[in-house]
């Protein structure tokens, strides 16, 4: 198993869907690689139906996060896309338009 750890900013608000008896939280993260290069990754947090998906309320566009998970690459139309199955997410800040001080429910 490969493991990846990175920080970045959420690119769009998280979406929660139900797939085959699981809940999945999908969101994208922009990772600043250098001054000229930003790498995007599609992130997914998988939960059982009885597990909380409350973190999705805090994964808003612009929020700085630290992600730990399993990377994979998907090829589509001869272009590679980085995907991450998230094992752990840590909120490092709030989105620019938010002023929330609540604890994150996990």
Protein backbone atom coordinates (compact mmCIF):
# COMPACT_ATOMS: atom_id res chain seq x y z
CA UNK A 1 0.00 0.00 0.00
CA UNK A 2 1.18 3.50 -0.86
CA UNK A 3 0.54 6.43 1.42
CA UNK A 4 0.45 10.13 0.58
CA UNK A 5 0.38 13.14 2.91
CA UNK A 6 -0.21 16.66 1.62
CA UNK A 7 -1.71 20.04 2.43
CA UNK A 8 -3.80 22.16 0.13
CA UNK A 9 -7.01 24.07 -0.30
CA UNK A 10 -10.43 22.57 -1.00
CA UNK A 11 -11.38 23.41 -4.59
CA UNK A 12 -15.16 23.03 -4.30
CA UNK A 13 -17.63 22.26 -1.53
CA UNK A 14 -17.79 18.58 -0.56
CA UNK A 15 -20.66 16.46 -1.85
CA UNK A 16 -22.09 13.43 -0.03
CA UNK A 17 -23.48 10.52 -2.04
CA UNK A 18 -24.65 7.02 -1.22
CA UNK A 19 -23.04 4.19 -3.18
CA UNK A 20 -23.63 0.45 -2.67
CA UNK A 21 -24.38 0.65 1.05
CA UNK A 22 -21.75 3.29 1.82
CA UNK A 23 -21.67 7.06 2.06
CA UNK A 24 -18.87 8.81 0.17
CA UNK A 25 -17.74 12.40 0.64
CA UNK A 26 -16.18 13.75 -2.57
CA UNK A 27 -14.14 16.95 -2.86
CA UNK A 28 -11.10 18.28 -4.71
CA UNK A 29 -7.89 19.71 -3.27
CA UNK A 30 -5.39 22.04 -4.94
CA UNK A 31 -1.80 21.26 -3.94
CA UNK A 32 0.74 24.03 -4.58
CA UNK A 33 3.77 22.15 -5.95
CA UNK A 34 5.78 25.21 -6.98
CA UNK A 35 5.21 28.86 -7.81
CA UNK A 36 4.12 27.89 -11.32
CA UNK A 37 2.48 24.49 -10.71
CA UNK A 38 -0.66 23.46 -8.86
CA UNK A 39 -1.58 19.75 -8.73
CA UNK A 40 -5.24 18.84 -8.27
CA UNK A 41 -6.45 15.64 -6.63
CA UNK A 42 -9.95 14.22 -6.32
CA UNK A 43 -10.50 13.07 -2.73
CA UNK A 44 -12.99 10.54 -1.38
CA UNK A 45 -13.84 9.72 2.24
CA UNK A 46 -15.76 6.45 2.54
CA UNK A 47 -18.11 5.85 5.49
CA UNK A 48 -20.54 3.10 6.47
CA UNK A 49 -24.18 4.13 6.44
CA UNK A 50 -24.27 4.45 10.23
CA UNK A 51 -21.10 6.60 10.40
CA UNK A 52 -21.12 10.40 10.53
CA UNK A 53 -20.44 12.50 7.44
CA UNK A 54 -20.46 15.75 9.45
CA UNK A 55 -16.97 16.66 8.23
CA UNK A 56 -18.54 17.42 4.83
CA UNK A 57 -20.09 20.56 6.34
CA UNK A 58 -16.57 21.91 6.97
CA UNK A 59 -15.00 20.97 3.63
CA UNK A 60 -15.90 24.19 1.83
CA UNK A 61 -14.14 25.86 -1.09
CA UNK A 62 -10.94 27.55 0.11
CA UNK A 63 -10.57 25.62 3.39
CA UNK A 64 -6.95 24.60 4.05
CA UNK A 65 -6.64 20.88 4.86
CA UNK A 66 -4.02 18.24 5.60
CA UNK A 67 -4.85 14.92 3.91
CA UNK A 68 -3.42 11.46 4.53
CA UNK A 69 -4.50 8.61 2.29
CA UNK A 70 -3.94 6.16 -0.55
CA UNK A 71 -3.11 7.68 -3.93
CA UNK A 72 -4.15 6.28 -7.29
CA UNK A 73 -3.98 7.51 -10.86
CA UNK A 74 -6.80 7.30 -13.38
CA UNK A 75 -6.13 7.75 -17.10
CA UNK A 76 -8.90 9.39 -19.10
CA UNK A 77 -8.49 10.64 -22.68
CA UNK A 78 -4.72 10.17 -22.40
CA UNK A 79 -4.55 12.47 -19.36
CA UNK A 80 -3.61 11.31 -15.84
CA UNK A 81 -5.77 12.28 -12.84
CA UNK A 82 -4.60 11.93 -9.23
CA UNK A 83 -7.16 10.47 -6.83
CA UNK A 84 -6.85 10.02 -3.08
CA UNK A 85 -8.82 7.64 -0.85
CA UNK A 86 -8.69 9.68 2.35
CA UNK A 87 -7.79 7.92 5.59
CA UNK A 88 -7.40 11.04 7.70
CA UNK A 89 -8.30 14.71 7.18
CA UNK A 90 -7.32 17.62 9.39
CA UNK A 91 -8.79 21.09 9.02
CA UNK A 92 -6.03 23.71 9.09
CA UNK A 93 -8.26 26.73 8.60
CA UNK A 94 -11.69 27.86 7.52
CA UNK A 95 -12.80 28.96 4.10
CA UNK A 96 -12.37 32.71 3.52
CA UNK A 97 -16.12 33.42 3.75
CA UNK A 98 -16.58 31.40 6.96
CA UNK A 99 -16.20 32.43 10.58
CA UNK A 100 -16.92 29.11 12.28
CA UNK A 101 -15.51 28.29 15.72
CA UNK A 102 -17.38 25.04 16.34
CA UNK A 103 -15.66 21.73 16.98
CA UNK A 104 -15.62 19.36 14.02
CA UNK A 105 -17.90 16.33 14.63
CA UNK A 106 -16.20 13.06 13.68
